[in-house]
PDB file of N, CA and C in Angstrom:
ATOM      1  N   MET A   1     -58.008 -14.603  63.365  1.00  0.00           N
ATOM      2  CA  MET A   1     -58.197 -14.509  61.508  1.00  0.00           C
ATOM      3  C   MET A   1     -58.208 -16.280  61.292  1.00  0.00           C
ATOM      4  N   LYS A   2     -59.335 -16.075  60.095  1.00  0.00           N
ATOM      5  CA  LYS A   2     -59.102 -17.735  59.045  1.00  0.00           C
ATOM      6  C   LYS A   2     -58.097 -17.789  58.389  1.00  0.00           C
ATOM      7  N   LYS A   3     -57.742 -18.921  58.039  1.00  0.00           N
ATOM      8  CA  LYS A   3     -56.530 -19.425  57.424  1.00  0.00           C
ATOM      9  C   LYS A   3     -56.981 -19.490  56.196  1.00  0.00           C
ATOM     10  N   MET A   4     -56.876 -18.943  54.738  1.00  0.00           N
ATOM     11  CA  MET A   4     -57.015 -18.911  53.245  1.00  0.00           C
ATOM     12  C   MET A   4     -56.672 -20.706  53.079  1.00  0.00           C
ATOM     13  N   GLU A   5     -57.929 -20.916  52.524  1.00  0.00           N
ATOM     14  CA  GLU A   5     -57.468 -22.250  51.790  1.00  0.00           C
ATOM     15  C   GLU A   5     -56.555 -22.095  50.683  1.00  0.00           C
ATOM     16  N   LYS A   6     -55.791 -23.080  50.148  1.00  0.00           N
ATOM     17  CA  LYS A   6     -55.495 -22.988  48.612  1.00  0.00           C
ATOM     18  C   LYS A   6     -56.250 -23.642  47.609  1.00  0.00           C
ATOM     19  N   LYS A   7     -56.977 -23.465  46.745  1.00  0.00           N
ATOM     20  CA  LYS A   7     -57.514 -24.187  45.786  1.00  0.00           C
ATOM     21  C   LYS A   7     -56.673 -24.404  44.645  1.00  0.00           C
ATOM     22  N   GLU A   8     -56.859 -25.517  44.566  1.00  0.00           N
ATOM     23  CA  GLU A   8     -55.813 -26.360  43.212  1.00  0.00           C
ATOM     24  C   GLU A   8     -57.051 -25.541  41.639  1.00  0.00           C
ATOM     25  N   LYS A   9     -56.174 -25.223  40.955  1.00  0.00           N
ATOM     26  CA  LYS A   9     -56.675 -24.064  39.745  1.00  0.00           C
ATOM     27  C   LYS A   9     -57.322 -25.536  38.822  1.00  0.00           C
ATOM     28  N   GLU A  10     -58.375 -25.453  38.403  1.00  0.00           N
ATOM     29  CA  GLU A  10     -58.682 -26.499  37.167  1.00  0.00           C
ATOM     30  C   GLU A  10     -58.525 -26.116  35.895  1.00  0.00           C
ATOM     31  N   TYR A  11     -57.610 -26.553  35.109  1.00  0.00           N
ATOM     32  CA  TYR A  11     -57.598 -26.291  33.706  1.00  0.00           C
ATOM     33  C   TYR A  11     -58.787 -27.198  32.884  1.00  0.00           C
ATOM     34  N   THR A  12     -59.165 -26.192  31.718  1.00  0.00           N
ATOM     35  CA  THR A  12     -59.753 -26.875  31.224  1.00  0.00           C
ATOM     36  C   THR A  12     -59.500 -27.272  29.530  1.00  0.00           C
ATOM     37  N   SER A  13     -59.725 -28.206  28.800  1.00  0.00           N
ATOM     38  CA  SER A  13     -59.430 -28.460  27.723  1.00  0.00           C
ATOM     39  C   SER A  13     -59.498 -27.499  26.484  1.00  0.00           C
ATOM     40  N   ASP A  14     -59.829 -26.330  26.668  1.00  0.00           N
ATOM     41  CA  ASP A  14     -59.212 -24.836  25.930  1.00  0.00           C
ATOM     42  C   ASP A  14     -58.205 -24.218  26.616  1.00  0.00           C
ATOM     43  N   ASP A  15     -58.074 -24.286  28.138  1.00  0.00           N
ATOM     44  CA  ASP A  15     -57.121 -23.730  28.142  1.00  0.00           C
ATOM     45  C   ASP A  15     -55.439 -24.765  27.921  1.00  0.00           C
ATOM     46  N   LEU A  16     -55.880 -25.915  28.012  1.00  0.00           N
ATOM     47  CA  LEU A  16     -54.466 -26.475  27.807  1.00  0.00           C
ATOM     48  C   LEU A  16     -54.475 -26.513  26.244  1.00  0.00           C
ATOM     49  N   LYS A  17     -55.096 -26.675  25.173  1.00  0.00           N
ATOM     50  CA  LYS A  17     -55.376 -26.865  23.417  1.00  0.00           C
ATOM     51  C   LYS A  17     -54.600 -25.023  23.495  1.00  0.00           C
ATOM     52  N   ARG A  18     -54.516 -23.753  23.922  1.00  0.00           N
ATOM     53  CA  ARG A  18     -54.329 -22.482  24.060  1.00  0.00           C
ATOM     54  C   ARG A  18     -52.673 -22.377  24.803  1.00  0.00           C
ATOM     55  N   TYR A  19     -52.667 -23.637  25.148  1.00  0.00           N
ATOM     56  CA  TYR A  19     -51.221 -23.234  25.831  1.00  0.00           C
ATOM     57  C   TYR A  19     -49.937 -24.382  25.373  1.00  0.00           C
ATOM     58  N   LEU A  20     -50.379 -25.017  24.661  1.00  0.00           N
ATOM     59  CA  LEU A  20     -49.961 -26.404  23.671  1.00  0.00           C
ATOM     60  C   LEU A  20     -49.789 -25.383  23.063  1.00  0.00           C
ATOM     61  N   GLY A  21     -51.162 -24.502  21.841  1.00  0.00           N
ATOM     62  CA  GLY A  21     -50.615 -24.216  20.996  1.00  0.00           C
ATOM     63  C   GLY A  21     -49.415 -22.814  20.673  1.00  0.00           C
ATOM     64  N   ALA A  22     -49.148 -22.312  21.891  1.00  0.00           N
ATOM     65  CA  ALA A  22     -48.429 -21.510  21.959  1.00  0.00           C
ATOM     66  C   ALA A  22     -47.298 -21.980  22.211  1.00  0.00           C
ATOM     67  N   MET A  23     -47.063 -22.836  22.645  1.00  0.00           N
ATOM     68  CA  MET A  23     -45.958 -23.925  22.802  1.00  0.00           C
ATOM     69  C   MET A  23     -44.991 -23.842  21.567  1.00  0.00           C
ATOM     70  N   GLU A  24     -46.185 -24.858  20.687  1.00  0.00           N
ATOM     71  CA  GLU A  24     -45.938 -25.658  19.393  1.00  0.00           C
ATOM     72  C   GLU A  24     -45.241 -23.863  18.681  1.00  0.00           C
ATOM     73  N   GLU A  25     -45.775 -22.524  18.972  1.00  0.00           N
ATOM     74  CA  GLU A  25     -45.400 -22.359  18.148  1.00  0.00           C
ATOM     75  C   GLU A  25     -44.188 -21.040  18.294  1.00  0.00           C
ATOM     76  N   PHE A  26     -44.041 -21.011  19.688  1.00  0.00           N
ATOM     77  CA  PHE A  26     -42.559 -20.392  20.317  1.00  0.00           C
ATOM     78  C   PHE A  26     -41.495 -21.925  19.493  1.00  0.00           C
ATOM     79  N   ASN A  27     -41.391 -22.844  19.817  1.00  0.00           N
ATOM     80  CA  ASN A  27     -40.919 -23.782  19.461  1.00  0.00           C
ATOM     81  C   ASN A  27     -40.310 -23.982  17.981  1.00  0.00           C
ATOM     82  N   ALA A  28     -41.548 -24.116  17.400  1.00  0.00           N
ATOM     83  CA  ALA A  28     -41.743 -24.333  15.706  1.00  0.00           C
ATOM     84  C   ALA A  28     -40.490 -23.231  15.388  1.00  0.00           C
ATOM     85  N   ASP A  29     -40.726 -21.874  15.959  1.00  0.00           N
ATOM     86  CA  ASP A  29     -39.644 -21.084  15.266  1.00  0.00           C
ATOM     87  C   ASP A  29     -37.622 -21.899  15.632  1.00  0.00           C
ATOM     88  N   ARG A  30     -37.834 -22.197  16.543  1.00  0.00           N
ATOM     89  CA  ARG A  30     -36.477 -22.526  17.359  1.00  0.00           C
ATOM     90  C   ARG A  30     -36.082 -23.849  16.123  1.00  0.00           C
ATOM     91  N   PHE A  31     -37.017 -24.436  15.851  1.00  0.00           N
ATOM     92  CA  PHE A  31     -36.964 -25.573  14.847  1.00  0.00           C
ATOM     93  C   PHE A  31     -36.419 -25.236  13.696  1.00  0.00           C
ATOM     94  N   LYS A  32     -36.886 -23.976  13.473  1.00  0.00           N
ATOM     95  CA  LYS A  32     -36.677 -23.893  12.124  1.00  0.00           C
ATOM     96  C   LYS A  32     -35.269 -23.308  12.129  1.00  0.00           C
ATOM     97  N   ALA A  33     -35.145 -22.253  13.080  1.00  0.00           N
ATOM     98  CA  ALA A  33     -33.350 -21.570  12.843  1.00  0.00           C
ATOM     99  C   ALA A  33     -32.488 -23.057  12.914  1.00  0.00           C
ATOM    100  N   ILE A  34     -33.254 -24.230  13.287  1.00  0.00           N
ATOM    101  CA  ILE A  34     -31.750 -25.039  13.848  1.00  0.00           C
ATOM    102  C   ILE A  34     -32.308 -25.636  12.200  1.00  0.00           C
ATOM    103  N   GLN A  35     -32.918 -25.988  11.547  1.00  0.00           N
ATOM    104  CA  GLN A  35     -33.511 -26.690  10.267  1.00  0.00           C
ATOM    105  C   GLN A  35     -32.207 -25.842   9.399  1.00  0.00           C
ATOM    106  N   GLU A  36     -32.408 -24.573   9.145  1.00  0.00           N
ATOM    107  CA  GLU A  36     -31.654 -23.511   8.298  1.00  0.00           C
ATOM    108  C   GLU A  36     -29.725 -23.766   8.790  1.00  0.00           C
ATOM    109  N   TYR A  37     -29.501 -24.187  10.061  1.00  0.00           N
ATOM    110  CA  TYR A  37     -28.503 -24.020   9.876  1.00  0.00           C
ATOM    111  C   TYR A  37     -27.664 -25.728   9.432  1.00  0.00           C
ATOM    112  N   LEU A  38     -28.685 -26.183   9.634  1.00  0.00           N
ATOM    113  CA  LEU A  38     -28.257 -28.076   9.441  1.00  0.00           C
ATOM    114  C   LEU A  38     -27.292 -28.362   8.366  1.00  0.00           C
ATOM    115  N   PRO A  39     -28.014 -27.864   6.856  1.00  0.00           N
ATOM    116  CA  PRO A  39     -26.987 -28.241   5.700  1.00  0.00           C
ATOM    117  C   PRO A  39     -25.691 -27.546   5.932  1.00  0.00           C
ATOM    118  N   SER A  40     -24.794 -26.270   6.518  1.00  0.00           N
ATOM    119  CA  SER A  40     -24.122 -25.520   6.500  1.00  0.00           C
ATOM    120  C   SER A  40     -23.460 -26.126   8.051  1.00  0.00           C
ATOM    121  N   ILE A  41     -24.004 -26.585   8.675  1.00  0.00           N
ATOM    122  CA  ILE A  41     -22.798 -28.003   9.310  1.00  0.00           C
ATOM    123  C   ILE A  41     -22.760 -28.811   8.698  1.00  0.00           C
ATOM    124  N   ASN A  42     -23.945 -29.922   8.074  1.00  0.00           N
ATOM    125  CA  ASN A  42     -23.771 -30.823   7.403  1.00  0.00           C
ATOM    126  C   ASN A  42     -22.317 -31.343   6.350  1.00  0.00           C
ATOM    127  N   LYS A  43     -22.272 -29.760   5.827  1.00  0.00           N
ATOM    128  CA  LYS A  43     -21.341 -29.524   4.374  1.00  0.00           C
ATOM    129  C   LYS A  43     -19.608 -29.128   5.454  1.00  0.00           C
ATOM    130  N   ARG A  44     -19.850 -28.470   6.288  1.00  0.00           N
ATOM    131  CA  ARG A  44     -18.523 -28.236   7.134  1.00  0.00           C
ATOM    132  C   ARG A  44     -18.164 -29.775   8.013  1.00  0.00           C
ATOM    133  N   LEU A  45     -18.990 -30.793   8.072  1.00  0.00           N
ATOM    134  CA  LEU A  45     -18.140 -32.245   8.544  1.00  0.00           C
ATOM    135  C   LEU A  45     -17.850 -33.122   7.807  1.00  0.00           C
ATOM    136  N   ASP A  46     -18.411 -32.921   6.717  1.00  0.00           N
ATOM    137  CA  ASP A  46     -18.485 -33.415   5.205  1.00  0.00           C
ATOM    138  C   ASP A  46     -16.861 -32.874   4.704  1.00  0.00           C
ATOM    139  N   ASP A  47     -16.431 -31.506   4.795  1.00  0.00           N
ATOM    140  CA  ASP A  47     -15.279 -30.727   4.732  1.00  0.00           C
ATOM    141  C   ASP A  47     -14.190 -31.842   5.790  1.00  0.00           C
ATOM    142  N   HIS A  48     -14.666 -31.706   6.604  1.00  0.00           N
ATOM    143  CA  HIS A  48     -13.191 -31.823   7.718  1.00  0.00           C
ATOM    144  C   HIS A  48     -13.344 -33.822   7.703  1.00  0.00           C
ATOM    145  N   SER A  49     -14.049 -34.122   7.572  1.00  0.00           N
ATOM    146  CA  SER A  49     -13.859 -35.722   6.831  1.00  0.00           C
ATOM    147  C   SER A  49     -13.072 -36.354   5.956  1.00  0.00           C
ATOM    148  N   ARG A  50     -13.691 -35.231   4.890  1.00  0.00           N
ATOM    149  CA  ARG A  50     -12.106 -34.901   3.601  1.00  0.00           C
ATOM    150  C   ARG A  50     -11.249 -34.975   4.462  1.00  0.00           C
ATOM    151  N   ILE A  51     -11.089 -34.021   4.671  1.00  0.00           N
ATOM    152  CA  ILE A  51      -9.161 -33.406   5.188  1.00  0.00           C
ATOM    153  C   ILE A  51      -8.742 -34.679   6.073  1.00  0.00           C
ATOM    154  N   PHE A  52      -9.801 -34.992   6.637  1.00  0.00           N
ATOM    155  CA  PHE A  52      -9.333 -36.087   8.181  1.00  0.00           C
ATOM    156  C   PHE A  52      -8.441 -37.590   7.124  1.00  0.00           C
ATOM    157  N   GLU A  53      -9.240 -37.313   5.979  1.00  0.00           N
ATOM    158  CA  GLU A  53      -9.112 -38.810   5.501  1.00  0.00           C
ATOM    159  C   GLU A  53      -8.360 -38.673   4.659  1.00  0.00           C
ATOM    160  N   THR A  54      -7.609 -37.508   3.777  1.00  0.00           N
ATOM    161  CA  THR A  54      -6.112 -36.764   3.263  1.00  0.00           C
ATOM    162  C   THR A  54      -5.302 -37.282   4.431  1.00  0.00           C
ATOM    163  N   HIS A  55      -5.571 -36.617   5.252  1.00  0.00           N
ATOM    164  CA  HIS A  55      -4.328 -36.601   6.403  1.00  0.00           C
ATOM    165  C   HIS A  55      -3.801 -38.413   7.016  1.00  0.00           C
ATOM    166  N   THR A  56      -4.996 -39.068   7.251  1.00  0.00           N
ATOM    167  CA  THR A  56      -4.639 -40.264   7.375  1.00  0.00           C
ATOM    168  C   THR A  56      -3.770 -40.974   6.094  1.00  0.00           C
ATOM    169  N   GLU A  57      -4.212 -40.954   5.397  1.00  0.00           N
ATOM    170  CA  GLU A  57      -3.178 -41.401   3.898  1.00  0.00           C
ATOM    171  C   GLU A  57      -1.714 -40.782   3.857  1.00  0.00           C
ATOM    172  N   MET A  58      -1.849 -39.609   4.360  1.00  0.00           N
ATOM    173  CA  MET A  58      -0.760 -38.823   4.146  1.00  0.00           C
ATOM    174  C   MET A  58      -0.224 -39.293   5.538  1.00  0.00           C
ATOM    175  N   MET A  59      -0.123 -39.710   6.689  1.00  0.00           N
ATOM    176  CA  MET A  59       0.563 -40.234   7.731  1.00  0.00           C
ATOM    177  C   MET A  59       0.643 -41.860   7.086  1.00  0.00           C
ATOM    178  N   GLY A  60      -0.009 -42.690   6.529  1.00  0.00           N
ATOM    179  CA  GLY A  60      -0.167 -44.297   5.871  1.00  0.00           C
ATOM    180  C   GLY A  60       1.336 -43.857   5.214  1.00  0.00           C
ATOM    181  N   ASN A  61       1.415 -42.779   4.244  1.00  0.00           N
ATOM    182  CA  ASN A  61       2.387 -42.625   3.349  1.00  0.00           C
ATOM    183  C   ASN A  61       4.219 -42.187   3.766  1.00  0.00           C
ATOM    184  N   ILE A  62       3.758 -41.431   5.389  1.00  0.00           N
ATOM    185  CA  ILE A  62       4.868 -41.357   5.855  1.00  0.00           C
ATOM    186  C   ILE A  62       5.742 -42.385   7.023  1.00  0.00           C
ATOM    187  N   ALA A  63       4.274 -43.397   7.596  1.00  0.00           N
ATOM    188  CA  ALA A  63       5.271 -44.319   8.636  1.00  0.00           C
ATOM    189  C   ALA A  63       5.439 -45.082   7.179  1.00  0.00           C
ATOM    190  N   ILE A  64       5.457 -45.715   6.152  1.00  0.00           N
ATOM    191  CA  ILE A  64       6.131 -46.626   5.301  1.00  0.00           C
ATOM    192  C   ILE A  64       7.715 -45.822   4.772  1.00  0.00           C
ATOM    193  N   ARG A  65       7.563 -44.519   4.586  1.00  0.00           N
ATOM    194  CA  ARG A  65       8.953 -43.930   4.103  1.00  0.00           C
ATOM    195  C   ARG A  65      10.037 -44.515   5.402  1.00  0.00           C
ATOM    196  N   ILE A  66       9.141 -44.104   6.605  1.00  0.00           N
ATOM    197  CA  ILE A  66      10.077 -43.977   7.532  1.00  0.00           C
ATOM    198  C   ILE A  66      10.482 -45.196   7.905  1.00  0.00           C
ATOM    199  N   GLY A  67       9.479 -46.610   7.235  1.00  0.00           N
ATOM    200  CA  GLY A  67      10.455 -48.090   7.507  1.00  0.00           C
ATOM    201  C   GLY A  67      11.040 -47.883   6.696  1.00  0.00           C
ATOM    202  N   HIS A  68      10.929 -47.877   5.397  1.00  0.00           N
ATOM    203  CA  HIS A  68      12.225 -47.723   4.239  1.00  0.00           C
ATOM    204  C   HIS A  68      13.784 -46.924   4.891  1.00  0.00           C
ATOM    205  N   ILE A  69      12.916 -45.758   5.688  1.00  0.00           N
ATOM    206  CA  ILE A  69      14.975 -44.571   6.136  1.00  0.00           C
ATOM    207  C   ILE A  69      15.018 -45.995   7.296  1.00  0.00           C
ATOM    208  N   GLU A  70      14.515 -46.591   8.155  1.00  0.00           N
ATOM    209  CA  GLU A  70      15.100 -47.734   9.035  1.00  0.00           C
ATOM    210  C   GLU A  70      15.780 -48.470   8.286  1.00  0.00           C
ATOM    211  N   LEU A  71      15.149 -49.252   7.227  1.00  0.00           N
ATOM    212  CA  LEU A  71      15.865 -50.491   6.980  1.00  0.00           C
ATOM    213  C   LEU A  71      17.393 -49.524   5.815  1.00  0.00           C
ATOM    214  N   THR A  72      17.203 -48.348   5.702  1.00  0.00           N
ATOM    215  CA  THR A  72      18.439 -47.987   5.115  1.00  0.00           C
ATOM    216  C   THR A  72      19.675 -47.890   6.411  1.00  0.00           C
ATOM    217  N   MET A  73      19.077 -46.943   7.380  1.00  0.00           N
ATOM    218  CA  MET A  73      20.033 -47.246   8.465  1.00  0.00           C
ATOM    219  C   MET A  73      20.893 -48.441   8.750  1.00  0.00           C
ATOM    220  N   GLU A  74      19.639 -49.328   9.183  1.00  0.00           N
ATOM    221  CA  GLU A  74      20.318 -50.300   9.598  1.00  0.00           C
ATOM    222  C   GLU A  74      21.486 -50.963   7.955  1.00  0.00           C
ATOM    223  N   THR A  75      21.587 -50.497   7.150  1.00  0.00           N
ATOM    224  CA  THR A  75      22.339 -51.098   6.093  1.00  0.00           C
ATOM    225  C   THR A  75      23.444 -50.486   6.882  1.00  0.00           C
ATOM    226  N   MET A  76      23.288 -49.031   6.142  1.00  0.00           N
ATOM    227  CA  MET A  76      24.526 -48.059   6.892  1.00  0.00           C
ATOM    228  C   MET A  76      25.366 -48.383   7.788  1.00  0.00           C
ATOM    229  N   LYS A  77      25.042 -48.374   9.218  1.00  0.00           N
ATOM    230  CA  LYS A  77      25.203 -49.218  10.219  1.00  0.00           C
ATOM    231  C   LYS A  77      26.342 -50.837   9.939  1.00  0.00           C
ATOM    232  N   GLU A  78      25.594 -51.721   9.315  1.00  0.00           N
ATOM    233  CA  GLU A  78      26.164 -52.820   9.235  1.00  0.00           C
ATOM    234  C   GLU A  78      27.434 -52.215   8.241  1.00  0.00           C
ATOM    235  N   ASP A  79      27.372 -51.165   7.504  1.00  0.00           N
ATOM    236  CA  ASP A  79      28.087 -51.130   6.371  1.00  0.00           C
ATOM    237  C   ASP A  79      29.603 -50.112   7.136  1.00  0.00           C
ATOM    238  N   ILE A  80      28.999 -49.534   8.314  1.00  0.00           N
ATOM    239  CA  ILE A  80      29.685 -48.820   9.533  1.00  0.00           C
ATOM    240  C   ILE A  80      30.953 -49.433   9.834  1.00  0.00           C
ATOM    241  N   CYS A  81      30.397 -50.975  10.351  1.00  0.00           N
ATOM    242  CA  CYS A  81      31.243 -51.905  11.580  1.00  0.00           C
ATOM    243  C   CYS A  81      32.020 -52.163  10.179  1.00  0.00           C
ATOM    244  N   LEU A  82      31.627 -52.638   9.174  1.00  0.00           N
ATOM    245  CA  LEU A  82      32.837 -53.599   8.371  1.00  0.00           C
ATOM    246  C   LEU A  82      33.573 -52.478   8.161  1.00  0.00           C
ATOM    247  N   ILE A  83      33.967 -51.546   7.787  1.00  0.00           N
ATOM    248  CA  ILE A  83      34.114 -50.066   7.769  1.00  0.00           C
ATOM    249  C   ILE A  83      35.596 -49.811   8.924  1.00  0.00           C
ATOM    250  N   LYS A  84      34.755 -49.837  10.040  1.00  0.00           N
ATOM    251  CA  LYS A  84      35.402 -49.697  10.976  1.00  0.00           C
ATOM    252  C   LYS A  84      36.549 -51.359  11.418  1.00  0.00           C
ATOM    253  N   SER A  85      35.619 -52.482  11.315  1.00  0.00           N
ATOM    254  CA  SER A  85      36.609 -53.050  11.647  1.00  0.00           C
ATOM    255  C   SER A  85      38.084 -53.358  10.610  1.00  0.00           C
ATOM    256  N   GLY A  86      37.496 -52.462   9.091  1.00  0.00           N
ATOM    257  CA  GLY A  86      38.869 -53.238   8.607  1.00  0.00           C
ATOM    258  C   GLY A  86      39.696 -52.114   8.849  1.00  0.00           C
ATOM    259  N   MET A  87      39.309 -50.886   9.118  1.00  0.00           N
ATOM    260  CA  MET A  87      40.179 -49.654   9.703  1.00  0.00           C
ATOM    261  C   MET A  87      40.721 -50.110  10.479  1.00  0.00           C
ATOM    262  N   LYS A  88      40.453 -50.830  11.241  1.00  0.00           N
ATOM    263  CA  LYS A  88      41.703 -51.294  12.436  1.00  0.00           C
ATOM    264  C   LYS A  88      42.596 -52.390  11.751  1.00  0.00           C
ATOM    265  N   ARG A  89      42.406 -52.960  11.291  1.00  0.00           N
ATOM    266  CA  ARG A  89      43.335 -54.385  10.662  1.00  0.00           C
ATOM    267  C   ARG A  89      44.344 -53.052   9.514  1.00  0.00           C
ATOM    268  N   LYS A  90      43.944 -52.142   9.463  1.00  0.00           N
ATOM    269  CA  LYS A  90      45.414 -51.210   8.530  1.00  0.00           C
ATOM    270  C   LYS A  90      46.041 -50.827   8.682  1.00  0.00           C
ATOM    271  N   VAL A  91      47.156 -50.711   8.893  1.00  0.00           N
ATOM    272  CA  VAL A  91      48.014 -49.656   9.267  1.00  0.00           C
ATOM    273  C   VAL A  91      48.018 -48.190   9.171  1.00  0.00           C
ATOM    274  N   ASP A  92      48.865 -47.633  10.292  1.00  0.00           N
ATOM    275  CA  ASP A  92      48.457 -46.290  10.588  1.00  0.00           C
ATOM    276  C   ASP A  92      49.771 -45.707   9.750  1.00  0.00           C
ATOM    277  N   TYR A  93      49.942 -44.397   9.182  1.00  0.00           N
ATOM    278  CA  TYR A  93      50.941 -43.933   8.444  1.00  0.00           C
ATOM    279  C   TYR A  93      51.919 -43.569   9.013  1.00  0.00           C
ATOM    280  N   ASP A  94      51.945 -43.767   9.926  1.00  0.00           N
ATOM    281  CA  ASP A  94      53.661 -43.594  11.157  1.00  0.00           C
ATOM    282  C   ASP A  94      54.023 -44.535  10.958  1.00  0.00           C
ATOM    283  N   GLU A  95      53.171 -46.198  11.689  1.00  0.00           N
ATOM    284  CA  GLU A  95      54.336 -46.944  11.626  1.00  0.00           C
ATOM    285  C   GLU A  95      53.746 -47.604  10.254  1.00  0.00           C
ATOM    286  N   PHE A  96      53.867 -47.580   9.002  1.00  0.00           N
ATOM    287  CA  PHE A  96      54.057 -47.394   7.998  1.00  0.00           C
ATOM    288  C   PHE A  96      55.893 -46.754   6.967  1.00  0.00           C
ATOM    289  N   GLU A  97      56.009 -45.307   7.444  1.00  0.00           N
ATOM    290  CA  GLU A  97      56.696 -45.007   7.701  1.00  0.00           C
ATOM    291  C   GLU A  97      57.951 -45.370   8.634  1.00  0.00           C
ATOM    292  N   ALA A  98      57.753 -45.738   9.770  1.00  0.00           N
ATOM    293  CA  ALA A  98      59.163 -47.128  10.731  1.00  0.00           C
ATOM    294  C   ALA A  98      59.058 -47.977  10.292  1.00  0.00           C
ATOM    295  N   LEU A  99      58.349 -48.874   9.110  1.00  0.00           N
ATOM    296  CA  LEU A  99      58.176 -49.394   8.360  1.00  0.00           C
ATOM    297  C   LEU A  99      59.419 -49.864   7.347  1.00  0.00           C
ATOM    298  N   THR A 100      58.944 -48.798   6.802  1.00  0.00           N
ATOM    299  CA  THR A 100      59.522 -48.348   5.468  1.00  0.00           C
ATOM    300  C   THR A 100      61.019 -48.060   5.949  1.00  0.00           C
ATOM    301  N   ARG A 101      60.873 -47.330   6.672  1.00  0.00           N
ATOM    302  CA  ARG A 101      62.808 -47.129   7.323  1.00  0.00           C
ATOM    303  C   ARG A 101      63.672 -48.288   7.635  1.00  0.00           C
ATOM    304  N   ARG A 102      62.769 -49.381   8.369  1.00  0.00           N
ATOM    305  CA  ARG A 102      63.611 -50.605   8.285  1.00  0.00           C
ATOM    306  C   ARG A 102      64.265 -51.482   7.620  1.00  0.00           C
ATOM    307  N   VAL A 103      62.984 -51.766   7.067  1.00  0.00           N
ATOM    308  CA  VAL A 103      63.292 -52.056   5.171  1.00  0.00           C
ATOM    309  C   VAL A 103      64.345 -51.915   4.596  1.00  0.00           C
ATOM    310  N   LEU A 104      64.303 -50.480   4.795  1.00  0.00           N
ATOM    311  CA  LEU A 104      65.825 -49.690   3.941  1.00  0.00           C
ATOM    312  C   LEU A 104      67.142 -50.082   4.688  1.00  0.00           C
ATOM    313  N   VAL A 105      67.286 -49.710   6.286  1.00  0.00           N
ATOM    314  CA  VAL A 105      68.281 -50.594   6.972  1.00  0.00           C
ATOM    315  C   VAL A 105      68.694 -52.033   6.553  1.00  0.00           C
ATOM    316  N   ILE A 106      67.313 -52.674   6.731  1.00  0.00           N
ATOM    317  CA  ILE A 106      67.990 -54.246   6.465  1.00  0.00           C
ATOM    318  C   ILE A 106      68.548 -53.946   4.915  1.00  0.00           C
ATOM    319  N   GLU A 107      67.692 -53.392   3.858  1.00  0.00           N
ATOM    320  CA  GLU A 107      68.146 -53.675   2.449  1.00  0.00           C
ATOM    321  C   GLU A 107      69.887 -53.160   2.505  1.00  0.00           C
ATOM    322  N   LYS A 108      70.102 -52.665   2.802  1.00  0.00           N
ATOM    323  CA  LYS A 108      71.578 -51.842   2.918  1.00  0.00           C
ATOM    324  C   LYS A 108      72.950 -52.546   3.549  1.00  0.00           C
ATOM    325  N   ARG A 109      71.926 -53.551   4.312  1.00  0.00           N
ATOM    326  CA  ARG A 109      73.091 -54.340   5.471  1.00  0.00           C
ATOM    327  C   ARG A 109      73.086 -55.706   4.488  1.00  0.00           C
ATOM    328  N   VAL A 110      71.975 -56.321   3.628  1.00  0.00           N
ATOM    329  CA  VAL A 110      72.401 -57.514   2.888  1.00  0.00           C
ATOM    330  C   VAL A 110      72.342 -56.849   1.585  1.00  0.00           C
ATOM    331  N   LEU A 111      73.078 -56.215   0.935  1.00  0.00           N
ATOM    332  CA  LEU A 111      73.250 -55.702  -0.237  1.00  0.00           C
ATOM    333  C   LEU A 111      75.031 -55.953   0.100  1.00  0.00           C
ATOM    334  N   LYS A 112      75.078 -55.068   1.118  1.00  0.00           N
ATOM    335  CA  LYS A 112      76.598 -54.936   1.431  1.00  0.00           C
ATOM    336  C   LYS A 112      77.894 -56.188   1.331  1.00  0.00           C
TER     337      LYS A 112
END
């Protein structure tokens, strides 16, 4: 048996024109569908970018507020430290009562 040789098929320019025309029609429908969706996609992107801008602005405002809160907290810490040191110097109520009794005893002895 003889092997059959494969012959390369030759395409004419009319064949190529027909093929390219069919491909153009096929892809034209797809491009039309994409073009129909583009405006709605662009609108959504615009909405999202607007929302993103407002969120960025809100985050900036929150950062400023947090900065003010930190300054206030530092001031409060300093005030609390001053109050604590002042409380350490003050006499406790029991110690004051004991001192009052001692003064009364001393006054009684001196006034006799």
